[in-house]
C-alpha atoms as a PDB file:
ATOM      1  CA  MET A   1      63.192 -52.321 -97.433  1.00  0.00           C
ATOM      2  CA  ALA A   2      65.971 -53.763 -95.305  1.00  0.00           C
ATOM      3  CA  LEU A   3      67.341 -51.622 -92.524  1.00  0.00           C
ATOM      4  CA  GLY A   4      71.131 -51.282 -92.461  1.00  0.00           C
ATOM      5  CA  GLN A   5      74.039 -49.088 -91.432  1.00  0.00           C
ATOM      6  CA  LEU A   6      77.595 -48.080 -92.282  1.00  0.00           C
ATOM      7  CA  VAL A   7      80.519 -49.785 -90.549  1.00  0.00           C
ATOM      8  CA  GLY A   8      83.886 -48.158 -91.155  1.00  0.00           C
ATOM      9  CA  GLY A   9      82.429 -46.425 -94.191  1.00  0.00           C
ATOM     10  CA  GLN A  10      81.138 -49.683 -95.708  1.00  0.00           C
ATOM     11  CA  TRP A  11      77.459 -50.475 -96.082  1.00  0.00           C
ATOM     12  CA  THR A  12      76.081 -53.498 -94.236  1.00  0.00           C
ATOM     13  CA  THR A  13      72.583 -54.841 -93.693  1.00  0.00           C
ATOM     14  CA  GLU A  14      73.370 -55.414 -90.023  1.00  0.00           C
ATOM     15  CA  TRP A  15      70.994 -53.593 -87.721  1.00  0.00           C
ATOM     16  CA  GLN A  16      71.905 -53.428 -84.056  1.00  0.00           C
ATOM     17  CA  GLU A  17      69.259 -51.380 -82.274  1.00  0.00           C
ATOM     18  CA  ARG A  18      67.776 -54.042 -79.998  1.00  0.00           C
ATOM     19  CA  ASP A  19      69.004 -55.333 -76.649  1.00  0.00           C
ATOM     20  CA  GLU A  20      68.917 -58.908 -75.331  1.00  0.00           C
ATOM     21  CA  GLN A  21      65.446 -58.356 -73.872  1.00  0.00           C
ATOM     22  CA  GLY A  22      64.034 -57.437 -77.282  1.00  0.00           C
ATOM     23  CA  ARG A  23      63.819 -53.718 -76.558  1.00  0.00           C
ATOM     24  CA  PHE A  24      64.380 -51.244 -79.370  1.00  0.00           C
ATOM     25  CA  ASN A  25      67.315 -48.956 -78.504  1.00  0.00           C
ATOM     26  CA  ARG A  26      67.688 -46.104 -80.962  1.00  0.00           C
ATOM     27  CA  MET A  27      71.272 -45.257 -81.887  1.00  0.00           C
ATOM     28  CA  PRO A  28      72.153 -41.651 -81.031  1.00  0.00           C
ATOM     29  CA  THR A  29      72.819 -39.207 -83.848  1.00  0.00           C
ATOM     30  CA  ARG A  30      76.429 -38.204 -84.445  1.00  0.00           C
ATOM     31  CA  PHE A  31      76.577 -34.744 -86.036  1.00  0.00           C
ATOM     32  CA  HIS A  32      75.679 -31.932 -83.647  1.00  0.00           C
ATOM     33  CA  THR A  33      77.432 -28.809 -84.925  1.00  0.00           C
ATOM     34  CA  GLN A  34      75.447 -25.620 -84.300  1.00  0.00           C
ATOM     35  CA  ILE A  35      74.666 -22.854 -86.771  1.00  0.00           C
ATOM     36  CA  THR A  36      74.449 -19.425 -85.144  1.00  0.00           C
ATOM     37  CA  ALA A  37      73.145 -16.097 -86.355  1.00  0.00           C
ATOM     38  CA  ASP A  38      76.409 -14.341 -85.467  1.00  0.00           C
ATOM     39  CA  GLY A  39      78.712 -17.120 -86.671  1.00  0.00           C
ATOM     40  CA  SER A  40      80.254 -17.595 -83.236  1.00  0.00           C
ATOM     41  CA  SER A  41      80.036 -21.378 -83.668  1.00  0.00           C
ATOM     42  CA  GLY A  42      82.071 -21.233 -86.871  1.00  0.00           C
ATOM     43  CA  TYR A  43      78.906 -21.792 -88.918  1.00  0.00           C
ATOM     44  CA  ARG A  44      77.032 -18.574 -89.662  1.00  0.00           C
ATOM     45  CA  ALA A  45      73.399 -18.536 -90.709  1.00  0.00           C
ATOM     46  CA  GLU A  46      73.561 -17.449 -94.350  1.00  0.00           C
ATOM     47  CA  PRO A  47      71.131 -17.728 -97.269  1.00  0.00           C
ATOM     48  CA  GLY A  48      72.082 -20.334 -99.851  1.00  0.00           C
ATOM     49  CA  ARG A  49      74.756 -21.961 -97.705  1.00  0.00           C
ATOM     50  CA  TYR A  50      72.852 -24.898 -96.196  1.00  0.00           C
ATOM     51  CA  HIS A  51      70.897 -27.783 -97.694  1.00  0.00           C
ATOM     52  CA  LEU A  52      68.371 -30.045 -95.978  1.00  0.00           C
ATOM     53  CA  TYR A  53      68.003 -33.723 -96.876  1.00  0.00           C
ATOM     54  CA  VAL A  54      64.722 -35.269 -95.737  1.00  0.00           C
ATOM     55  CA  SER A  55      62.162 -37.998 -96.181  1.00  0.00           C
ATOM     56  CA  LEU A  56      58.523 -36.948 -96.154  1.00  0.00           C
ATOM     57  CA  GLY A  57      57.701 -40.346 -94.683  1.00  0.00           C
ATOM     58  CA  CYS A  58      60.035 -40.111 -91.687  1.00  0.00           C
ATOM     59  CA  PRO A  59      58.595 -38.171 -88.709  1.00  0.00           C
ATOM     60  CA  TRP A  60      62.013 -36.925 -87.543  1.00  0.00           C
ATOM     61  CA  ALA A  61      62.787 -35.457 -90.964  1.00  0.00           C
ATOM     62  CA  HIS A  62      59.222 -34.233 -91.402  1.00  0.00           C
ATOM     63  CA  ARG A  63      59.506 -31.889 -88.420  1.00  0.00           C
ATOM     64  CA  THR A  64      62.486 -30.142 -90.053  1.00  0.00           C
ATOM     65  CA  VAL A  65      60.830 -29.580 -93.426  1.00  0.00           C
ATOM     66  CA  LEU A  66      57.782 -28.317 -91.547  1.00  0.00           C
ATOM     67  CA  MET A  67      59.905 -25.764 -89.698  1.00  0.00           C
ATOM     68  CA  ARG A  68      61.627 -24.711 -92.930  1.00  0.00           C
ATOM     69  CA  THR A  69      58.183 -24.058 -94.418  1.00  0.00           C
ATOM     70  CA  LEU A  70      56.608 -22.439 -91.369  1.00  0.00           C
ATOM     71  CA  LYS A  71      59.515 -20.007 -90.993  1.00  0.00           C
ATOM     72  CA  GLY A  72      59.463 -19.108 -94.678  1.00  0.00           C
ATOM     73  CA  LEU A  73      62.985 -20.355 -95.327  1.00  0.00           C
ATOM     74  CA  GLU A  74      62.339 -22.097 -98.644  1.00  0.00           C
ATOM     75  CA  GLY A  75      64.470 -19.552-100.496  1.00  0.00           C
ATOM     76  CA  VAL A  76      67.216 -19.668 -97.862  1.00  0.00           C
ATOM     77  CA  ILE A  77      67.844 -23.372 -97.289  1.00  0.00           C
ATOM     78  CA  GLY A  78      67.870 -25.894-100.140  1.00  0.00           C
ATOM     79  CA  LEU A  79      65.921 -29.151-100.038  1.00  0.00           C
ATOM     80  CA  SER A  80      66.255 -32.714-101.287  1.00  0.00           C
ATOM     81  CA  ILE A  81      63.592 -35.359-100.667  1.00  0.00           C
ATOM     82  CA  VAL A  82      64.552 -39.046-100.848  1.00  0.00           C
ATOM     83  CA  ALA A  83      62.374 -41.810-102.273  1.00  0.00           C
ATOM     84  CA  PRO A  84      59.678 -43.117 -99.915  1.00  0.00           C
ATOM     85  CA  VAL A  85      60.950 -46.686-100.149  1.00  0.00           C
ATOM     86  CA  ILE A  86      64.334 -47.456 -98.572  1.00  0.00           C
ATOM     87  CA  GLY A  87      66.356 -49.552-100.989  1.00  0.00           C
ATOM     88  CA  GLU A  88      69.147 -52.092-100.717  1.00  0.00           C
ATOM     89  CA  TYR A  89      71.590 -49.321 -99.808  1.00  0.00           C
ATOM     90  CA  GLY A  90      69.344 -47.285 -97.551  1.00  0.00           C
ATOM     91  CA  TRP A  91      67.786 -43.924 -98.375  1.00  0.00           C
ATOM     92  CA  THR A  92      67.889 -43.376-102.139  1.00  0.00           C
ATOM     93  CA  PHE A  93      67.490 -40.227-104.210  1.00  0.00           C
ATOM     94  CA  SER A  94      64.861 -40.236-106.923  1.00  0.00           C
ATOM     95  CA  THR A  95      63.034 -38.101-109.455  1.00  0.00           C
ATOM     96  CA  GLY A  96      59.743 -39.847-108.645  1.00  0.00           C
ATOM     97  CA  PRO A  97      56.566 -38.164-107.390  1.00  0.00           C
ATOM     98  CA  GLY A  98      57.188 -35.967-104.377  1.00  0.00           C
ATOM     99  CA  CYS A  99      60.967 -36.478-104.564  1.00  0.00           C
ATOM    100  CA  ILE A 100      63.791 -33.991-105.161  1.00  0.00           C
ATOM    101  CA  PRO A 101      67.233 -35.424-106.083  1.00  0.00           C
ATOM    102  CA  ASP A 102      70.542 -34.380-104.583  1.00  0.00           C
ATOM    103  CA  THR A 103      71.412 -31.165-106.416  1.00  0.00           C
ATOM    104  CA  ILE A 104      74.679 -30.629-104.526  1.00  0.00           C
ATOM    105  CA  HIS A 105      76.697 -33.773-105.328  1.00  0.00           C
ATOM    106  CA  GLY A 106      74.325 -35.794-107.477  1.00  0.00           C
ATOM    107  CA  ALA A 107      74.547 -38.639-104.970  1.00  0.00           C
ATOM    108  CA  GLU A 108      72.577 -41.810-105.607  1.00  0.00           C
ATOM    109  CA  HIS A 109      72.255 -42.755-101.942  1.00  0.00           C
ATOM    110  CA  LEU A 110      72.287 -40.757 -98.713  1.00  0.00           C
ATOM    111  CA  LYS A 111      75.029 -43.037 -97.387  1.00  0.00           C
ATOM    112  CA  ASP A 112      77.374 -41.507 -99.974  1.00  0.00           C
ATOM    113  CA  LEU A 113      77.055 -38.130 -98.254  1.00  0.00           C
ATOM    114  CA  TYR A 114      77.763 -39.641 -94.835  1.00  0.00           C
ATOM    115  CA  VAL A 115      80.935 -41.209 -96.205  1.00  0.00           C
ATOM    116  CA  LEU A 116      81.889 -37.935 -97.879  1.00  0.00           C
ATOM    117  CA  ALA A 117      81.532 -36.160 -94.538  1.00  0.00           C
ATOM    118  CA  GLU A 118      83.326 -38.902 -92.589  1.00  0.00           C
ATOM    119  CA  PRO A 119      85.031 -41.644 -94.667  1.00  0.00           C
ATOM    120  CA  GLU A 120      85.211 -44.119 -91.754  1.00  0.00           C
ATOM    121  CA  TYR A 121      81.717 -43.392 -90.463  1.00  0.00           C
ATOM    122  CA  THR A 122      80.058 -46.115 -88.398  1.00  0.00           C
ATOM    123  CA  GLY A 123      76.369 -45.838 -87.550  1.00  0.00           C
ATOM    124  CA  ARG A 124      72.902 -45.472 -89.009  1.00  0.00           C
ATOM    125  CA  VAL A 125      72.382 -43.343 -92.117  1.00  0.00           C
ATOM    126  CA  THR A 126      69.436 -41.244 -91.049  1.00  0.00           C
ATOM    127  CA  VAL A 127      67.373 -38.270 -92.141  1.00  0.00           C
ATOM    128  CA  PRO A 128      67.242 -35.363 -91.637  1.00  0.00           C
ATOM    129  CA  VAL A 129      70.682 -34.171 -92.666  1.00  0.00           C
ATOM    130  CA  LEU A 130      71.651 -30.503 -92.687  1.00  0.00           C
ATOM    131  CA  TRP A 131      74.566 -30.008 -95.088  1.00  0.00           C
ATOM    132  CA  ASP A 132      76.963 -27.063 -95.303  1.00  0.00           C
ATOM    133  CA  LYS A 133      77.951 -26.352 -98.893  1.00  0.00           C
ATOM    134  CA  LYS A 134      80.785 -24.043 -97.804  1.00  0.00           C
ATOM    135  CA  THR A 135      82.730 -26.659 -95.847  1.00  0.00           C
ATOM    136  CA  ASP A 136      81.185 -29.557 -97.793  1.00  0.00           C
ATOM    137  CA  THR A 137      80.132 -31.617 -94.809  1.00  0.00           C
ATOM    138  CA  ILE A 138      77.256 -32.583 -92.553  1.00  0.00           C
ATOM    139  CA  VAL A 139      76.537 -29.927 -89.959  1.00  0.00           C
ATOM    140  CA  ASN A 140      73.830 -31.710 -88.015  1.00  0.00           C
ATOM    141  CA  ASN A 141      71.609 -34.784 -88.255  1.00  0.00           C
ATOM    142  CA  GLU A 142      69.630 -34.390 -85.015  1.00  0.00           C
ATOM    143  CA  SER A 143      66.086 -33.260 -85.823  1.00  0.00           C
ATOM    144  CA  ARG A 144      65.442 -31.483 -82.531  1.00  0.00           C
ATOM    145  CA  GLN A 145      68.585 -29.388 -82.912  1.00  0.00           C
ATOM    146  CA  ILE A 146      67.862 -28.632 -86.558  1.00  0.00           C
ATOM    147  CA  ILE A 147      64.370 -27.279 -85.906  1.00  0.00           C
ATOM    148  CA  ARG A 148      65.742 -25.144 -83.078  1.00  0.00           C
ATOM    149  CA  MET A 149      68.351 -23.623 -85.396  1.00  0.00           C
ATOM    150  CA  LEU A 150      65.818 -23.007 -88.169  1.00  0.00           C
ATOM    151  CA  ASP A 151      63.466 -21.412 -85.662  1.00  0.00           C
ATOM    152  CA  THR A 152      65.941 -19.181 -83.823  1.00  0.00           C
ATOM    153  CA  GLN A 153      69.092 -18.574 -85.866  1.00  0.00           C
ATOM    154  CA  PHE A 154      67.709 -17.612 -89.297  1.00  0.00           C
ATOM    155  CA  GLU A 155      65.393 -14.794 -88.158  1.00  0.00           C
ATOM    156  CA  GLU A 156      67.168 -12.281 -90.402  1.00  0.00           C
ATOM    157  CA  PHE A 157      66.101 -14.252 -93.471  1.00  0.00           C
ATOM    158  CA  SER A 158      62.724 -15.612 -92.361  1.00  0.00           C
ATOM    159  CA  THR A 159      59.686 -14.354 -94.245  1.00  0.00           C
ATOM    160  CA  ALA A 160      57.340 -15.423 -91.428  1.00  0.00           C
ATOM    161  CA  ASP A 161      56.950 -13.246 -88.361  1.00  0.00           C
ATOM    162  CA  ILE A 162      56.447 -16.090 -85.907  1.00  0.00           C
ATOM    163  CA  ASP A 163      58.475 -17.449 -82.985  1.00  0.00           C
ATOM    164  CA  PHE A 164      57.967 -21.058 -81.900  1.00  0.00           C
ATOM    165  CA  TYR A 165      60.495 -20.741 -79.048  1.00  0.00           C
ATOM    166  CA  PRO A 166      59.422 -17.581 -77.173  1.00  0.00           C
ATOM    167  CA  GLN A 167      61.616 -16.546 -74.269  1.00  0.00           C
ATOM    168  CA  ALA A 168      58.858 -16.813 -71.658  1.00  0.00           C
ATOM    169  CA  LEU A 169      58.074 -20.434 -72.582  1.00  0.00           C
ATOM    170  CA  ARG A 170      61.521 -21.845 -73.310  1.00  0.00           C
ATOM    171  CA  GLU A 171      61.885 -23.951 -70.191  1.00  0.00           C
ATOM    172  CA  ARG A 172      58.376 -25.332 -70.585  1.00  0.00           C
ATOM    173  CA  ILE A 173      58.914 -26.077 -74.273  1.00  0.00           C
ATOM    174  CA  ASP A 174      62.125 -27.992 -73.588  1.00  0.00           C
ATOM    175  CA  GLN A 175      60.491 -29.957 -70.775  1.00  0.00           C
ATOM    176  CA  THR A 176      57.529 -30.812 -72.995  1.00  0.00           C
ATOM    177  CA  ILE A 177      59.704 -32.000 -75.884  1.00  0.00           C
ATOM    178  CA  ASP A 178      61.554 -34.206 -73.397  1.00  0.00           C
ATOM    179  CA  ALA A 179      58.258 -35.492 -71.992  1.00  0.00           C
ATOM    180  CA  ILE A 180      56.789 -36.577 -75.338  1.00  0.00           C
ATOM    181  CA  TYR A 181      59.985 -38.047 -76.808  1.00  0.00           C
ATOM    182  CA  TRP A 182      60.376 -41.315 -74.896  1.00  0.00           C
ATOM    183  CA  PRO A 183      56.778 -42.544 -74.563  1.00  0.00           C
ATOM    184  CA  ILE A 184      55.313 -41.157 -77.819  1.00  0.00           C
ATOM    185  CA  ASN A 185      57.808 -40.046 -80.515  1.00  0.00           C
ATOM    186  CA  ASN A 186      60.132 -42.958 -79.777  1.00  0.00           C
ATOM    187  CA  GLY A 187      57.465 -44.993 -78.032  1.00  0.00           C
ATOM    188  CA  VAL A 188      55.738 -46.012 -81.253  1.00  0.00           C
ATOM    189  CA  TYR A 189      59.072 -47.417 -82.475  1.00  0.00           C
ATOM    190  CA  ARG A 190      59.777 -49.107 -79.146  1.00  0.00           C
ATOM    191  CA  THR A 191      56.388 -50.775 -79.545  1.00  0.00           C
ATOM    192  CA  GLY A 192      56.626 -51.641 -83.220  1.00  0.00           C
ATOM    193  CA  PHE A 193      60.197 -52.929 -83.212  1.00  0.00           C
ATOM    194  CA  ALA A 194      60.003 -54.869 -79.935  1.00  0.00           C
ATOM    195  CA  THR A 195      60.911 -58.539 -80.330  1.00  0.00           C
ATOM    196  CA  SER A 196      59.622 -59.822 -77.002  1.00  0.00           C
ATOM    197  CA  GLN A 197      56.207 -59.641 -75.360  1.00  0.00           C
ATOM    198  CA  VAL A 198      57.637 -57.946 -72.294  1.00  0.00           C
ATOM    199  CA  ALA A 199      59.381 -55.235 -74.320  1.00  0.00           C
ATOM    200  CA  TYR A 200      56.262 -54.728 -76.440  1.00  0.00           C
ATOM    201  CA  GLU A 201      53.880 -54.358 -73.520  1.00  0.00           C
ATOM    202  CA  GLU A 202      56.247 -52.071 -71.640  1.00  0.00           C
ATOM    203  CA  ALA A 203      56.405 -49.633 -74.561  1.00  0.00           C
ATOM    204  CA  PHE A 204      52.721 -50.093 -75.458  1.00  0.00           C
ATOM    205  CA  PHE A 205      51.336 -49.103 -72.070  1.00  0.00           C
ATOM    206  CA  GLU A 206      53.770 -46.191 -71.687  1.00  0.00           C
ATOM    207  CA  LEU A 207      52.633 -44.919 -75.092  1.00  0.00           C
ATOM    208  CA  PHE A 208      48.926 -44.987 -74.296  1.00  0.00           C
ATOM    209  CA  SER A 209      49.413 -43.636 -70.803  1.00  0.00           C
ATOM    210  CA  ALA A 210      51.150 -40.629 -72.386  1.00  0.00           C
ATOM    211  CA  LEU A 211      48.461 -40.207 -75.053  1.00  0.00           C
ATOM    212  CA  ASP A 212      45.798 -40.326 -72.345  1.00  0.00           C
ATOM    213  CA  TYR A 213      47.673 -37.645 -70.405  1.00  0.00           C
ATOM    214  CA  TRP A 214      47.967 -35.242 -73.339  1.00  0.00           C
ATOM    215  CA  GLU A 215      44.333 -35.883 -74.254  1.00  0.00           C
ATOM    216  CA  ARG A 216      43.440 -34.511 -70.828  1.00  0.00           C
ATOM    217  CA  VAL A 217      45.815 -31.561 -71.182  1.00  0.00           C
ATOM    218  CA  LEU A 218      44.383 -30.625 -74.560  1.00  0.00           C
ATOM    219  CA  GLY A 219      40.924 -30.685 -73.057  1.00  0.00           C
ATOM    220  CA  GLU A 220      41.981 -27.663 -71.003  1.00  0.00           C
ATOM    221  CA  GLN A 221      44.231 -25.740 -73.419  1.00  0.00           C
ATOM    222  CA  HIS A 222      44.722 -25.423 -77.169  1.00  0.00           C
ATOM    223  CA  TYR A 223      48.373 -26.465 -77.452  1.00  0.00           C
ATOM    224  CA  LEU A 224      50.953 -28.448 -75.504  1.00  0.00           C
ATOM    225  CA  CYS A 225      52.466 -25.410 -73.799  1.00  0.00           C
ATOM    226  CA  GLY A 226      49.384 -23.231 -73.501  1.00  0.00           C
ATOM    227  CA  THR A 227      47.698 -20.815 -75.865  1.00  0.00           C
ATOM    228  CA  GLN A 228      50.266 -20.650 -78.676  1.00  0.00           C
ATOM    229  CA  ILE A 229      51.902 -23.121 -81.036  1.00  0.00           C
ATOM    230  CA  THR A 230      55.505 -23.908 -80.131  1.00  0.00           C
ATOM    231  CA  GLU A 231      58.311 -26.206 -81.215  1.00  0.00           C
ATOM    232  CA  ALA A 232      56.842 -28.843 -78.903  1.00  0.00           C
ATOM    233  CA  ASP A 233      53.715 -29.033 -81.050  1.00  0.00           C
ATOM    234  CA  TRP A 234      55.743 -29.472 -84.221  1.00  0.00           C
ATOM    235  CA  CYS A 235      57.661 -32.287 -82.498  1.00  0.00           C
ATOM    236  CA  LEU A 236      54.423 -34.128 -81.694  1.00  0.00           C
ATOM    237  CA  PHE A 237      52.509 -33.417 -84.900  1.00  0.00           C
ATOM    238  CA  PRO A 238      54.433 -35.789 -87.250  1.00  0.00           C
ATOM    239  CA  THR A 239      53.948 -38.724 -84.882  1.00  0.00           C
ATOM    240  CA  LEU A 240      50.224 -38.074 -84.513  1.00  0.00           C
ATOM    241  CA  LEU A 241      49.823 -37.715 -88.287  1.00  0.00           C
ATOM    242  CA  ARG A 242      51.280 -41.207 -88.767  1.00  0.00           C
ATOM    243  CA  PHE A 243      49.416 -42.865 -85.926  1.00  0.00           C
ATOM    244  CA  ASP A 244      46.308 -44.189 -87.663  1.00  0.00           C
ATOM    245  CA  LEU A 245      48.143 -44.526 -90.993  1.00  0.00           C
ATOM    246  CA  ALA A 246      50.913 -46.830 -89.764  1.00  0.00           C
ATOM    247  CA  TYR A 247      51.488 -47.151 -86.038  1.00  0.00           C
ATOM    248  CA  TYR A 248      48.011 -48.403 -85.121  1.00  0.00           C
ATOM    249  CA  GLY A 249      48.190 -51.413 -87.444  1.00  0.00           C
ATOM    250  CA  LEU A 250      51.736 -52.102 -88.552  1.00  0.00           C
ATOM    251  CA  PHE A 251      53.364 -51.180 -85.223  1.00  0.00           C
ATOM    252  CA  LYS A 252      50.619 -52.884 -83.154  1.00  0.00           C
ATOM    253  CA  CYS A 253      49.794 -49.630 -81.317  1.00  0.00           C
ATOM    254  CA  ASN A 254      46.172 -50.716 -81.413  1.00  0.00           C
ATOM    255  CA  LEU A 255      44.545 -49.993 -78.066  1.00  0.00           C
ATOM    256  CA  ARG A 256      42.908 -46.916 -79.572  1.00  0.00           C
ATOM    257  CA  ARG A 257      43.157 -44.994 -82.830  1.00  0.00           C
ATOM    258  CA  LEU A 258      44.075 -41.344 -82.718  1.00  0.00           C
ATOM    259  CA  VAL A 259      40.623 -40.474 -84.047  1.00  0.00           C
ATOM    260  CA  ASP A 260      39.251 -42.052 -80.853  1.00  0.00           C
ATOM    261  CA  TYR A 261      40.872 -39.231 -78.874  1.00  0.00           C
ATOM    262  CA  PRO A 262      38.648 -36.184 -79.527  1.00  0.00           C
ATOM    263  CA  ASN A 263      41.083 -33.581 -78.195  1.00  0.00           C
ATOM    264  CA  LEU A 264      44.186 -35.028 -79.828  1.00  0.00           C
ATOM    265  CA  TRP A 265      42.307 -35.453 -83.114  1.00  0.00           C
ATOM    266  CA  ASN A 266      41.072 -31.850 -83.104  1.00  0.00           C
ATOM    267  CA  TYR A 267      44.572 -30.708 -82.174  1.00  0.00           C
ATOM    268  CA  LEU A 268      46.081 -32.629 -85.105  1.00  0.00           C
ATOM    269  CA  ASN A 269      43.583 -31.034 -87.474  1.00  0.00           C
ATOM    270  CA  ASP A 270      44.277 -27.567 -86.065  1.00  0.00           C
ATOM    271  CA  LEU A 271      47.993 -27.942 -86.783  1.00  0.00           C
ATOM    272  CA  TYR A 272      47.314 -29.451 -90.205  1.00  0.00           C
ATOM    273  CA  ARG A 273      45.328 -26.330 -91.125  1.00  0.00           C
ATOM    274  CA  GLN A 274      48.234 -23.978 -90.353  1.00  0.00           C
ATOM    275  CA  PRO A 275      49.537 -22.174 -93.487  1.00  0.00           C
ATOM    276  CA  GLY A 276      51.903 -24.315 -95.544  1.00  0.00           C
ATOM    277  CA  VAL A 277      51.559 -27.491 -93.485  1.00  0.00           C
ATOM    278  CA  LYS A 278      49.330 -29.533 -95.798  1.00  0.00           C
ATOM    279  CA  ALA A 279      51.757 -29.005 -98.692  1.00  0.00           C
ATOM    280  CA  VAL A 280      54.523 -30.902 -96.873  1.00  0.00           C
ATOM    281  CA  CYS A 281      52.345 -33.737 -95.538  1.00  0.00           C
ATOM    282  CA  ASP A 282      52.558 -36.585 -98.043  1.00  0.00           C
ATOM    283  CA  ILE A 283      50.266 -39.458 -97.050  1.00  0.00           C
ATOM    284  CA  ASP A 284      51.489 -41.638 -99.924  1.00  0.00           C
ATOM    285  CA  HIS A 285      55.141 -41.276 -98.881  1.00  0.00           C
ATOM    286  CA  ILE A 286      54.238 -42.082 -95.273  1.00  0.00           C
ATOM    287  CA  LYS A 287      52.357 -45.286 -96.073  1.00  0.00           C
ATOM    288  CA  ARG A 288      54.825 -46.503 -98.675  1.00  0.00           C
ATOM    289  CA  LEU A 289      57.757 -45.955 -96.320  1.00  0.00           C
ATOM    290  CA  TYR A 290      56.325 -47.891 -93.387  1.00  0.00           C
ATOM    291  CA  TYR A 291      54.624 -50.720 -95.218  1.00  0.00           C
ATOM    292  CA  ASN A 292      57.802 -51.511 -97.149  1.00  0.00           C
ATOM    293  CA  ILE A 293      59.654 -52.428 -93.933  1.00  0.00           C
ATOM    294  CA  THR A 294      60.110 -56.127 -94.711  1.00  0.00           C
ATOM    295  CA  GLN A 295      60.908 -56.997 -91.083  1.00  0.00           C
ATOM    296  CA  LEU A 296      57.357 -55.955 -90.170  1.00  0.00           C
ATOM    297  CA  ASN A 297      55.484 -56.483 -93.457  1.00  0.00           C
ATOM    298  CA  PRO A 298      57.139 -59.229 -95.553  1.00  0.00           C
ATOM    299  CA  THR A 299      54.589 -58.965 -98.378  1.00  0.00           C
ATOM    300  CA  ARG A 300      55.105 -55.175 -98.599  1.00  0.00           C
ATOM    301  CA  ILE A 301      51.439 -54.725 -99.446  1.00  0.00           C
ATOM    302  CA  VAL A 302      50.445 -51.109 -98.816  1.00  0.00           C
ATOM    303  CA  PRO A 303      46.897 -50.909 -97.419  1.00  0.00           C
ATOM    304  CA  ILE A 304      44.328 -48.700 -99.118  1.00  0.00           C
ATOM    305  CA  GLY A 305      42.972 -47.233 -95.885  1.00  0.00           C
ATOM    306  CA  PRO A 306      42.447 -45.573 -93.592  1.00  0.00           C
ATOM    307  CA  ARG A 307      41.073 -42.422 -95.155  1.00  0.00           C
ATOM    308  CA  LEU A 308      41.872 -39.545 -92.855  1.00  0.00           C
ATOM    309  CA  HIS A 309      39.539 -36.551 -92.965  1.00  0.00           C
ATOM    310  CA  LEU A 310      42.192 -33.978 -92.119  1.00  0.00           C
ATOM    311  CA  GLY A 311      41.742 -30.268 -91.976  1.00  0.00           C
ATOM    312  CA  GLY A 312      38.017 -30.407 -91.463  1.00  0.00           C
END
């Protein structure tokens, strides 16, 4: 797997997400159109209109397929799942185990859809992608915005009577998602993709300081924002699920394993036991995705362990 991007609509293996000090700087997402229940944005929430492209290995995409499942929107929003190994031209569609090909355009690569949406597109080709079949374009490729729309704008069609963004907790939820993003969600990448000792240690100690903090919080309450599961929990869950599988070893996040944090480990298992969650957690896709990053693992050998005893 070689990381690349589109430049003027043309694929290149260039990858420019590090600064001169060796720090990993994630490129911002580009498509931020909003879907609204009343259609006031120009994009109305409608059954059968939208299609979600994801990787079950990628934590950002994983949170969106989780929300689609948790809200009971499987019959409302279509789904394609790319292969767990990124190929020469980026994310690739497949009929392999756990994969669902592109049923809208029959695309071979996700980059083809980015170019279809914007012929001169320059930037990373990332998952998730929320596609509008009516206007034949990308609506949004920012995971945080997508889960918010799935959670709040499709209530009319949801088969699950659950709200992960309750009015009374909205400010706290937003603050918590902000608080976990930099040191944890993005922090594992800032650690793993650092190319200098200074950049590595900076990200490493911020990551474990944050994990230590939330370990203490979860010793006093069940979930990040109190007594109920919220969007903040589903933003943290995919990162925690991948921690011992990939980040601890491959990304050198090895001060402690997640299983060494009793409260965080119990919290992960609690979320894993929620209805529908296990079905969209693919350990094989996760390990194959990360351990095929040639920049970090030139041999691309996928380790057998660790064996996670989840859901117990």
